[in-house]
């Protein structure tokens, strides 16, 4: 631009540019400008302030107790470990030992030679020990645990608890039958065919006991323990243990039966170990 043209334009005031159409171009010559119809009479509402907690509300929240439940022991083969206020680690540890021994007895009955009287005698002694511990365990449940829960249970829960006692009653005859057949094989006698027939019959009984007890333990862990956690407090459970289990002093030979591993009880979640002393689980430590 030349200096002369610059001086001519220096006093010219440029008009306000027209609004753009939606297409982005200026309106054609003679076209009316768009009218701004925005209603500016209504003020823009202010944003809602964030509510603040009063001192009274803060004190109420801080005074509300936080419910924490113990970590429940969960071992291989276990069906469930319902959450709740009562630490059932000892119960699940005992179940672990029962499953382990029944599984091993079933395998021994199938593979031990029918004429090996010494091995059958050792198996018979071990079976008597297991049966005594299992009977003590079931007796404590029938005398203390299920009655306490039946007092508080609804109709549906009562059906489950009554089934627990019925299942115990069905297991006991199988345990006695296995004991009698083990004693017969340990005594020897009879022909080879007769001993083999006795061994085969025992294997069938052992397999039935293993299956029936496994089903009962799974039912108890899944349903009965959930009922227990809904209705009992740790104090309730301590009282039941003292009255229904510890008051019987346990089987006289319980110290020879170990529900856990040979070197110690299985660790709980988080690396903890059971809080129960050895005497409460029949643990001899070796």
C-alpha atoms as a PDB file:
ATOM      1  CA  UNK A   1       0.000   0.000   0.000  1.00  0.00           C
ATOM      2  CA  UNK A   2       1.351   3.435  -1.013  1.00  0.00           C
ATOM      3  CA  UNK A   3       1.940   6.203   1.572  1.00  0.00           C
ATOM      4  CA  UNK A   4      -0.712   8.335  -0.137  1.00  0.00           C
ATOM      5  CA  UNK A   5      -3.409   5.631   0.232  1.00  0.00           C
ATOM      6  CA  UNK A   6      -2.393   4.998   3.791  1.00  0.00           C
ATOM      7  CA  UNK A   7      -3.015   8.666   4.691  1.00  0.00           C
ATOM      8  CA  UNK A   8      -6.448   8.541   3.042  1.00  0.00           C
ATOM      9  CA  UNK A   9      -7.554   5.490   5.051  1.00  0.00           C
ATOM     10  CA  UNK A  10      -6.119   6.584   8.367  1.00  0.00           C
ATOM     11  CA  UNK A  11      -9.283   8.507   9.306  1.00  0.00           C
ATOM     12  CA  UNK A  12     -11.779   5.878   8.118  1.00  0.00           C
ATOM     13  CA  UNK A  13     -13.547   3.844  10.825  1.00  0.00           C
ATOM     14  CA  UNK A  14     -14.160   0.257   9.703  1.00  0.00           C
ATOM     15  CA  UNK A  15     -17.750  -0.952  10.302  1.00  0.00           C
ATOM     16  CA  UNK A  16     -18.518  -3.890  12.615  1.00  0.00           C
ATOM     17  CA  UNK A  17     -18.413  -7.064  10.524  1.00  0.00           C
ATOM     18  CA  UNK A  18     -21.738  -8.757   9.866  1.00  0.00           C
ATOM     19  CA  UNK A  19     -22.502 -12.046  11.597  1.00  0.00           C
ATOM     20  CA  UNK A  20     -21.608 -15.159   9.643  1.00  0.00           C
ATOM     21  CA  UNK A  21     -24.305 -17.458   8.267  1.00  0.00           C
ATOM     22  CA  UNK A  22     -24.397 -21.104   9.280  1.00  0.00           C
ATOM     23  CA  UNK A  23     -22.537 -21.930   6.091  1.00  0.00           C
ATOM     24  CA  UNK A  24     -19.683 -19.689   7.173  1.00  0.00           C
ATOM     25  CA  UNK A  25     -20.151 -16.985   4.489  1.00  0.00           C
ATOM     26  CA  UNK A  26     -21.319 -13.401   4.753  1.00  0.00           C
ATOM     27  CA  UNK A  27     -24.970 -12.623   3.855  1.00  0.00           C
ATOM     28  CA  UNK A  28     -25.657 -11.536   0.319  1.00  0.00           C
ATOM     29  CA  UNK A  29     -26.217  -7.927  -0.511  1.00  0.00           C
ATOM     30  CA  UNK A  30     -29.648  -6.842   0.700  1.00  0.00           C
ATOM     31  CA  UNK A  31     -30.127  -9.869   2.972  1.00  0.00           C
ATOM     32  CA  UNK A  32     -31.302  -9.080   6.525  1.00  0.00           C
ATOM     33  CA  UNK A  33     -28.927  -9.712   9.331  1.00  0.00           C
ATOM     34  CA  UNK A  34     -29.832 -12.527  11.778  1.00  0.00           C
ATOM     35  CA  UNK A  35     -31.540 -11.329  14.936  1.00  0.00           C
ATOM     36  CA  UNK A  36     -30.098 -12.310  18.329  1.00  0.00           C
ATOM     37  CA  UNK A  37     -33.148 -13.587  20.210  1.00  0.00           C
ATOM     38  CA  UNK A  38     -31.328 -14.596  23.396  1.00  0.00           C
ATOM     39  CA  UNK A  39     -33.414 -13.730  26.479  1.00  0.00           C
ATOM     40  CA  UNK A  40     -31.026 -11.779  28.659  1.00  0.00           C
ATOM     41  CA  UNK A  41     -33.652 -10.925  31.285  1.00  0.00           C
ATOM     42  CA  UNK A  42     -33.225 -14.220  33.176  1.00  0.00           C
ATOM     43  CA  UNK A  43     -29.978 -14.405  35.120  1.00  0.00           C
ATOM     44  CA  UNK A  44     -27.798 -17.501  34.787  1.00  0.00           C
ATOM     45  CA  UNK A  45     -28.363 -19.723  37.839  1.00  0.00           C
ATOM     46  CA  UNK A  46     -25.390 -20.088  40.123  1.00  0.00           C
ATOM     47  CA  UNK A  47     -23.882 -23.537  40.632  1.00  0.00           C
ATOM     48  CA  UNK A  48     -25.195 -25.504  43.659  1.00  0.00           C
ATOM     49  CA  UNK A  49     -22.664 -25.410  46.485  1.00  0.00           C
ATOM     50  CA  UNK A  50     -21.279 -28.712  47.725  1.00  0.00           C
ATOM     51  CA  UNK A  51     -22.880 -29.601  51.084  1.00  0.00           C
ATOM     52  CA  UNK A  52     -20.514 -29.802  54.012  1.00  0.00           C
ATOM     53  CA  UNK A  53     -20.711 -32.249  56.947  1.00  0.00           C
ATOM     54  CA  UNK A  54     -21.689 -30.759  60.269  1.00  0.00           C
ATOM     55  CA  UNK A  55     -19.615 -31.472  63.347  1.00  0.00           C
ATOM     56  CA  UNK A  56     -22.456 -33.615  64.721  1.00  0.00           C
ATOM     57  CA  UNK A  57     -22.510 -35.727  61.546  1.00  0.00           C
ATOM     58  CA  UNK A  58     -18.743 -36.204  61.714  1.00  0.00           C
ATOM     59  CA  UNK A  59     -18.950 -37.387  65.319  1.00  0.00           C
ATOM     60  CA  UNK A  60     -21.746 -39.845  64.456  1.00  0.00           C
ATOM     61  CA  UNK A  61     -19.781 -41.309  61.563  1.00  0.00           C
ATOM     62  CA  UNK A  62     -16.619 -41.670  63.636  1.00  0.00           C
ATOM     63  CA  UNK A  63     -18.554 -43.359  66.448  1.00  0.00           C
ATOM     64  CA  UNK A  64     -20.110 -45.980  64.119  1.00  0.00           C
ATOM     65  CA  UNK A  65     -18.157 -49.269  64.577  1.00  0.00           C
ATOM     66  CA  UNK A  66     -16.636 -50.943  61.546  1.00  0.00           C
ATOM     67  CA  UNK A  67     -17.545 -54.651  61.270  1.00  0.00           C
ATOM     68  CA  UNK A  68     -14.589 -56.888  60.491  1.00  0.00           C
ATOM     69  CA  UNK A  69     -14.753 -60.665  60.209  1.00  0.00           C
ATOM     70  CA  UNK A  70     -11.874 -63.104  60.668  1.00  0.00           C
ATOM     71  CA  UNK A  71     -10.308 -64.737  57.650  1.00  0.00           C
ATOM     72  CA  UNK A  72     -11.820 -68.206  57.286  1.00  0.00           C
ATOM     73  CA  UNK A  73      -9.580 -71.191  56.688  1.00  0.00           C
ATOM     74  CA  UNK A  74     -10.009 -72.708  53.207  1.00  0.00           C
ATOM     75  CA  UNK A  75      -8.160 -75.940  52.451  1.00  0.00           C
ATOM     76  CA  UNK A  76      -7.910 -78.170  49.352  1.00  0.00           C
ATOM     77  CA  UNK A  77     -11.082 -80.228  48.894  1.00  0.00           C
ATOM     78  CA  UNK A  78     -13.146 -77.911  51.103  1.00  0.00           C
ATOM     79  CA  UNK A  79     -16.511 -76.934  49.643  1.00  0.00           C
ATOM     80  CA  UNK A  80     -16.992 -73.486  51.190  1.00  0.00           C
ATOM     81  CA  UNK A  81     -16.018 -71.164  54.030  1.00  0.00           C
ATOM     82  CA  UNK A  82     -18.892 -68.706  54.604  1.00  0.00           C
ATOM     83  CA  UNK A  83     -17.865 -65.310  55.929  1.00  0.00           C
ATOM     84  CA  UNK A  84     -19.012 -64.293  59.370  1.00  0.00           C
ATOM     85  CA  UNK A  85     -17.981 -63.340  62.900  1.00  0.00           C
ATOM     86  CA  UNK A  86     -17.053 -66.840  64.115  1.00  0.00           C
ATOM     87  CA  UNK A  87     -13.606 -68.198  63.277  1.00  0.00           C
ATOM     88  CA  UNK A  88     -14.301 -71.774  62.117  1.00  0.00           C
ATOM     89  CA  UNK A  89     -10.695 -72.711  61.369  1.00  0.00           C
ATOM     90  CA  UNK A  90     -10.708 -75.659  63.753  1.00  0.00           C
ATOM     91  CA  UNK A  91     -13.861 -77.081  62.200  1.00  0.00           C
ATOM     92  CA  UNK A  92     -12.383 -76.889  58.712  1.00  0.00           C
ATOM     93  CA  UNK A  93      -9.080 -78.343  59.902  1.00  0.00           C
ATOM     94  CA  UNK A  94     -10.902 -81.364  61.309  1.00  0.00           C
ATOM     95  CA  UNK A  95     -12.826 -81.776  58.060  1.00  0.00           C
ATOM     96  CA  UNK A  96      -9.524 -81.697  56.185  1.00  0.00           C
ATOM     97  CA  UNK A  97      -8.205 -84.551  58.300  1.00  0.00           C
ATOM     98  CA  UNK A  98     -11.365 -86.638  57.838  1.00  0.00           C
ATOM     99  CA  UNK A  99     -11.263 -86.237  54.059  1.00  0.00           C
ATOM    100  CA  UNK A 100      -7.579 -87.095  53.944  1.00  0.00           C
ATOM    101  CA  UNK A 101      -7.891 -90.274  56.007  1.00  0.00           C
ATOM    102  CA  UNK A 102     -11.045 -91.574  54.291  1.00  0.00           C
ATOM    103  CA  UNK A 103      -9.417 -91.072  50.919  1.00  0.00           C
ATOM    104  CA  UNK A 104      -6.310 -92.963  52.011  1.00  0.00           C
ATOM    105  CA  UNK A 105      -8.278 -95.794  53.596  1.00  0.00           C
ATOM    106  CA  UNK A 106     -10.284 -96.243  50.393  1.00  0.00           C
ATOM    107  CA  UNK A 107      -7.043 -96.534  48.403  1.00  0.00           C
ATOM    108  CA  UNK A 108      -5.497 -98.948  50.941  1.00  0.00           C
ATOM    109  CA  UNK A 109      -8.532-101.244  50.894  1.00  0.00           C
ATOM    110  CA  UNK A 110      -8.318-101.476  47.131  1.00  0.00           C
ATOM    111  CA  UNK A 111      -4.578-102.151  46.835  1.00  0.00           C
ATOM    112  CA  UNK A 112      -3.478-104.006  50.002  1.00  0.00           C
ATOM    113  CA  UNK A 113      -2.965-107.753  49.354  1.00  0.00           C
ATOM    114  CA  UNK A 114      -5.728-109.807  50.923  1.00  0.00           C
ATOM    115  CA  UNK A 115      -3.265-112.113  52.734  1.00  0.00           C
ATOM    116  CA  UNK A 116      -1.163-109.302  54.319  1.00  0.00           C
ATOM    117  CA  UNK A 117      -2.546-109.695  57.848  1.00  0.00           C
ATOM    118  CA  UNK A 118       0.033-107.396  59.470  1.00  0.00           C
ATOM    119  CA  UNK A 119      -0.910-104.481  57.243  1.00  0.00           C
ATOM    120  CA  UNK A 120      -4.614-105.099  57.802  1.00  0.00           C
ATOM    121  CA  UNK A 121      -4.031-105.114  61.566  1.00  0.00           C
ATOM    122  CA  UNK A 122      -2.260-101.744  61.365  1.00  0.00           C
ATOM    123  CA  UNK A 123      -5.073-100.363  59.204  1.00  0.00           C
ATOM    124  CA  UNK A 124      -7.665-101.646  61.690  1.00  0.00           C
ATOM    125  CA  UNK A 125      -5.969 -99.821  64.588  1.00  0.00           C
ATOM    126  CA  UNK A 126      -5.790 -96.622  62.605  1.00  0.00           C
ATOM    127  CA  UNK A 127      -9.427 -96.979  61.557  1.00  0.00           C
ATOM    128  CA  UNK A 128     -10.540 -97.367  65.162  1.00  0.00           C
ATOM    129  CA  UNK A 129      -8.751 -94.126  66.000  1.00  0.00           C
ATOM    130  CA  UNK A 130     -10.321 -92.234  63.088  1.00  0.00           C
ATOM    131  CA  UNK A 131     -13.791 -93.589  63.880  1.00  0.00           C
ATOM    132  CA  UNK A 132     -13.446 -92.540  67.537  1.00  0.00           C
ATOM    133  CA  UNK A 133     -12.380 -88.989  66.639  1.00  0.00           C
ATOM    134  CA  UNK A 134     -15.121 -88.695  64.016  1.00  0.00           C
ATOM    135  CA  UNK A 135     -17.758 -89.979  66.441  1.00  0.00           C
ATOM    136  CA  UNK A 136     -16.629 -87.449  69.069  1.00  0.00           C
ATOM    137  CA  UNK A 137     -16.823 -84.666  66.490  1.00  0.00           C
ATOM    138  CA  UNK A 138     -20.334 -85.599  65.369  1.00  0.00           C
ATOM    139  CA  UNK A 139     -21.531 -86.085  68.954  1.00  0.00           C
ATOM    140  CA  UNK A 140     -20.403 -82.574  69.851  1.00  0.00           C
ATOM    141  CA  UNK A 141     -22.259 -81.130  66.861  1.00  0.00           C
ATOM    142  CA  UNK A 142     -25.439 -83.053  67.648  1.00  0.00           C
ATOM    143  CA  UNK A 143     -25.332 -82.133  71.351  1.00  0.00           C
ATOM    144  CA  UNK A 144     -24.291 -78.498  71.105  1.00  0.00           C
ATOM    145  CA  UNK A 145     -24.083 -76.894  67.676  1.00  0.00           C
ATOM    146  CA  UNK A 146     -27.322 -77.942  65.989  1.00  0.00           C
ATOM    147  CA  UNK A 147     -29.572 -77.452  69.052  1.00  0.00           C
ATOM    148  CA  UNK A 148     -28.220 -73.923  69.577  1.00  0.00           C
ATOM    149  CA  UNK A 149     -28.932 -73.060  65.958  1.00  0.00           C
ATOM    150  CA  UNK A 150     -32.361 -74.702  65.914  1.00  0.00           C
ATOM    151  CA  UNK A 151     -33.482 -72.280  68.631  1.00  0.00           C
ATOM    152  CA  UNK A 152     -32.809 -69.338  66.285  1.00  0.00           C
ATOM    153  CA  UNK A 153     -33.372 -70.803  62.817  1.00  0.00           C
ATOM    154  CA  UNK A 154     -36.258 -70.177  60.445  1.00  0.00           C
ATOM    155  CA  UNK A 155     -38.181 -73.006  58.774  1.00  0.00           C
ATOM    156  CA  UNK A 156     -35.808 -73.364  55.829  1.00  0.00           C
ATOM    157  CA  UNK A 157     -32.748 -73.332  58.077  1.00  0.00           C
ATOM    158  CA  UNK A 158     -34.299 -75.900  60.396  1.00  0.00           C
ATOM    159  CA  UNK A 159     -34.590 -78.353  57.489  1.00  0.00           C
ATOM    160  CA  UNK A 160     -30.850 -78.036  56.844  1.00  0.00           C
ATOM    161  CA  UNK A 161     -29.940 -78.501  60.506  1.00  0.00           C
ATOM    162  CA  UNK A 162     -32.174 -81.549  60.873  1.00  0.00           C
ATOM    163  CA  UNK A 163     -30.513 -83.019  57.778  1.00  0.00           C
ATOM    164  CA  UNK A 164     -27.126 -82.687  59.517  1.00  0.00           C
ATOM    165  CA  UNK A 165     -28.190 -85.059  62.299  1.00  0.00           C
ATOM    166  CA  UNK A 166     -29.776 -87.484  59.820  1.00  0.00           C
ATOM    167  CA  UNK A 167     -26.562 -87.603  57.789  1.00  0.00           C
ATOM    168  CA  UNK A 168     -24.559 -88.377  60.921  1.00  0.00           C
ATOM    169  CA  UNK A 169     -26.896 -91.293  61.625  1.00  0.00           C
ATOM    170  CA  UNK A 170     -26.304 -92.657  58.124  1.00  0.00           C
ATOM    171  CA  UNK A 171     -22.514 -92.485  58.404  1.00  0.00           C
ATOM    172  CA  UNK A 172     -22.159 -94.398  61.689  1.00  0.00           C
ATOM    173  CA  UNK A 173     -23.306 -97.823  60.371  1.00  0.00           C
ATOM    174  CA  UNK A 174     -20.818 -97.592  57.505  1.00  0.00           C
ATOM    175  CA  UNK A 175     -17.988 -96.874  59.940  1.00  0.00           C
ATOM    176  CA  UNK A 176     -18.917 -99.940  62.040  1.00  0.00           C
ATOM    177  CA  UNK A 177     -19.159-102.154  58.948  1.00  0.00           C
ATOM    178  CA  UNK A 178     -15.689-101.102  57.806  1.00  0.00           C
ATOM    179  CA  UNK A 179     -14.257-101.775  61.279  1.00  0.00           C
ATOM    180  CA  UNK A 180     -15.701-105.311  61.331  1.00  0.00           C
ATOM    181  CA  UNK A 181     -14.323-106.155  57.867  1.00  0.00           C
ATOM    182  CA  UNK A 182     -10.896-104.752  58.732  1.00  0.00           C
ATOM    183  CA  UNK A 183     -10.771-106.880  61.881  1.00  0.00           C
ATOM    184  CA  UNK A 184     -11.680-110.000  59.887  1.00  0.00           C
ATOM    185  CA  UNK A 185      -8.887-109.412  57.375  1.00  0.00           C
ATOM    186  CA  UNK A 186      -6.415-108.691  60.183  1.00  0.00           C
ATOM    187  CA  UNK A 187      -7.331-112.009  61.852  1.00  0.00           C
ATOM    188  CA  UNK A 188      -6.518-113.961  58.688  1.00  0.00           C
ATOM    189  CA  UNK A 189      -7.997-117.393  58.085  1.00  0.00           C
ATOM    190  CA  UNK A 190     -10.144-118.628  55.278  1.00  0.00           C
ATOM    191  CA  UNK A 191      -9.104-119.534  51.769  1.00  0.00           C
ATOM    192  CA  UNK A 192      -7.389-117.162  49.433  1.00  0.00           C
ATOM    193  CA  UNK A 193     -10.614-116.666  47.486  1.00  0.00           C
ATOM    194  CA  UNK A 194     -12.514-115.907  50.690  1.00  0.00           C
ATOM    195  CA  UNK A 195      -9.934-113.344  51.807  1.00  0.00           C
ATOM    196  CA  UNK A 196     -10.000-111.717  48.385  1.00  0.00           C
ATOM    197  CA  UNK A 197     -13.798-111.543  48.489  1.00  0.00           C
ATOM    198  CA  UNK A 198     -13.595-109.925  51.952  1.00  0.00           C
ATOM    199  CA  UNK A 199     -11.050-107.398  50.697  1.00  0.00           C
ATOM    200  CA  UNK A 200     -13.237-106.505  47.691  1.00  0.00           C
ATOM    201  CA  UNK A 201     -16.286-106.060  49.933  1.00  0.00           C
ATOM    202  CA  UNK A 202     -14.282-103.828  52.265  1.00  0.00           C
ATOM    203  CA  UNK A 203     -13.107-101.702  49.328  1.00  0.00           C
ATOM    204  CA  UNK A 204     -16.721-101.113  48.333  1.00  0.00           C
ATOM    205  CA  UNK A 205     -17.654-100.123  51.896  1.00  0.00           C
ATOM    206  CA  UNK A 206     -14.664 -97.793  52.187  1.00  0.00           C
ATOM    207  CA  UNK A 207     -15.538 -96.100  48.921  1.00  0.00           C
ATOM    208  CA  UNK A 208     -19.123 -95.630  50.139  1.00  0.00           C
ATOM    209  CA  UNK A 209     -17.925 -94.159  53.437  1.00  0.00           C
ATOM    210  CA  UNK A 210     -15.550 -91.822  51.631  1.00  0.00           C
ATOM    211  CA  UNK A 211     -18.315 -90.611  49.309  1.00  0.00           C
ATOM    212  CA  UNK A 212     -20.993 -90.283  51.986  1.00  0.00           C
ATOM    213  CA  UNK A 213     -18.776 -88.416  54.429  1.00  0.00           C
ATOM    214  CA  UNK A 214     -17.505 -86.147  51.642  1.00  0.00           C
ATOM    215  CA  UNK A 215     -21.062 -85.221  50.685  1.00  0.00           C
ATOM    216  CA  UNK A 216     -21.962 -84.550  54.317  1.00  0.00           C
ATOM    217  CA  UNK A 217     -18.929 -82.329  54.902  1.00  0.00           C
ATOM    218  CA  UNK A 218     -19.659 -80.334  51.741  1.00  0.00           C
ATOM    219  CA  UNK A 219     -23.299 -79.874  52.819  1.00  0.00           C
ATOM    220  CA  UNK A 220     -22.217 -78.756  56.261  1.00  0.00           C
ATOM    221  CA  UNK A 221     -19.576 -76.318  54.990  1.00  0.00           C
ATOM    222  CA  UNK A 222     -21.856 -74.773  52.382  1.00  0.00           C
ATOM    223  CA  UNK A 223     -25.194 -74.508  54.202  1.00  0.00           C
ATOM    224  CA  UNK A 224     -24.882 -75.282  57.916  1.00  0.00           C
ATOM    225  CA  UNK A 225     -21.844 -73.052  58.419  1.00  0.00           C
ATOM    226  CA  UNK A 226     -23.644 -70.182  56.669  1.00  0.00           C
ATOM    227  CA  UNK A 227     -26.512 -70.584  59.158  1.00  0.00           C
ATOM    228  CA  UNK A 228     -24.044 -70.644  62.032  1.00  0.00           C
ATOM    229  CA  UNK A 229     -22.427 -67.405  60.867  1.00  0.00           C
ATOM    230  CA  UNK A 230     -25.829 -65.709  60.635  1.00  0.00           C
ATOM    231  CA  UNK A 231     -26.906 -66.587  64.180  1.00  0.00           C
ATOM    232  CA  UNK A 232     -23.883 -67.068  66.451  1.00  0.00           C
ATOM    233  CA  UNK A 233     -21.324 -64.710  67.932  1.00  0.00           C
ATOM    234  CA  UNK A 234     -17.737 -65.659  68.854  1.00  0.00           C
ATOM    235  CA  UNK A 235     -18.873 -65.772  72.483  1.00  0.00           C
ATOM    236  CA  UNK A 236     -21.678 -68.185  71.598  1.00  0.00           C
ATOM    237  CA  UNK A 237     -19.218 -70.443  69.815  1.00  0.00           C
ATOM    238  CA  UNK A 238     -16.714 -70.432  72.683  1.00  0.00           C
ATOM    239  CA  UNK A 239     -19.490 -71.482  75.079  1.00  0.00           C
ATOM    240  CA  UNK A 240     -20.671 -74.289  72.752  1.00  0.00           C
ATOM    241  CA  UNK A 241     -17.136 -75.594  72.344  1.00  0.00           C
ATOM    242  CA  UNK A 242     -16.614 -75.648  76.105  1.00  0.00           C
ATOM    243  CA  UNK A 243     -19.916 -77.383  76.809  1.00  0.00           C
ATOM    244  CA  UNK A 244     -20.236 -79.797  73.884  1.00  0.00           C
ATOM    245  CA  UNK A 245     -16.648 -80.602  72.935  1.00  0.00           C
ATOM    246  CA  UNK A 246     -14.109 -79.815  75.639  1.00  0.00           C
ATOM    247  CA  UNK A 247     -16.301 -81.013  78.505  1.00  0.00           C
ATOM    248  CA  UNK A 248     -16.078 -84.529  77.052  1.00  0.00           C
ATOM    249  CA  UNK A 249     -12.250 -84.318  77.215  1.00  0.00           C
ATOM    250  CA  UNK A 250     -12.125 -85.839  73.748  1.00  0.00           C
ATOM    251  CA  UNK A 251     -11.359 -89.434  72.826  1.00  0.00           C
ATOM    252  CA  UNK A 252      -8.670 -90.980  75.015  1.00  0.00           C
ATOM    253  CA  UNK A 253      -6.539 -91.693  71.938  1.00  0.00           C
ATOM    254  CA  UNK A 254      -7.243 -88.420  70.138  1.00  0.00           C
ATOM    255  CA  UNK A 255      -3.663 -87.217  70.662  1.00  0.00           C
ATOM    256  CA  UNK A 256      -2.510 -89.799  68.145  1.00  0.00           C
ATOM    257  CA  UNK A 257      -4.618 -88.354  65.324  1.00  0.00           C
ATOM    258  CA  UNK A 258      -3.445 -85.299  63.437  1.00  0.00           C
ATOM    259  CA  UNK A 259      -5.951 -83.328  61.332  1.00  0.00           C
ATOM    260  CA  UNK A 260      -3.265 -81.154  59.745  1.00  0.00           C
ATOM    261  CA  UNK A 261       0.066 -81.686  58.044  1.00  0.00           C
ATOM    262  CA  UNK A 262       2.850 -83.753  59.677  1.00  0.00           C
ATOM    263  CA  UNK A 263       4.885 -80.650  60.535  1.00  0.00           C
ATOM    264  CA  UNK A 264       2.155 -78.269  61.697  1.00  0.00           C
ATOM    265  CA  UNK A 265      -1.340 -77.043  61.133  1.00  0.00           C
ATOM    266  CA  UNK A 266      -1.980 -75.539  57.673  1.00  0.00           C
ATOM    267  CA  UNK A 267      -1.506 -71.743  57.555  1.00  0.00           C
ATOM    268  CA  UNK A 268      -4.566 -69.558  57.378  1.00  0.00           C
ATOM    269  CA  UNK A 269      -5.067 -66.796  54.833  1.00  0.00           C
ATOM    270  CA  UNK A 270      -2.488 -64.089  55.231  1.00  0.00           C
ATOM    271  CA  UNK A 271       0.085 -66.515  56.690  1.00  0.00           C
ATOM    272  CA  UNK A 272      -1.616 -66.803  60.108  1.00  0.00           C
ATOM    273  CA  UNK A 273      -1.986 -70.096  61.899  1.00  0.00           C
ATOM    274  CA  UNK A 274      -4.874 -71.496  63.879  1.00  0.00           C
ATOM    275  CA  UNK A 275      -5.402 -69.832  67.267  1.00  0.00           C
ATOM    276  CA  UNK A 276      -6.553 -73.122  68.815  1.00  0.00           C
ATOM    277  CA  UNK A 277      -4.069 -74.873  71.094  1.00  0.00           C
ATOM    278  CA  UNK A 278      -2.971 -78.381  70.223  1.00  0.00           C
ATOM    279  CA  UNK A 279      -5.206 -80.065  72.809  1.00  0.00           C
ATOM    280  CA  UNK A 280      -8.355 -78.765  71.048  1.00  0.00           C
ATOM    281  CA  UNK A 281      -7.637 -80.506  67.779  1.00  0.00           C
ATOM    282  CA  UNK A 282      -6.038 -83.761  68.863  1.00  0.00           C
ATOM    283  CA  UNK A 283      -2.688 -82.507  67.620  1.00  0.00           C
ATOM    284  CA  UNK A 284       0.387 -84.301  68.892  1.00  0.00           C
ATOM    285  CA  UNK A 285       2.840 -82.180  66.940  1.00  0.00           C
ATOM    286  CA  UNK A 286       4.514 -85.089  65.218  1.00  0.00           C
END
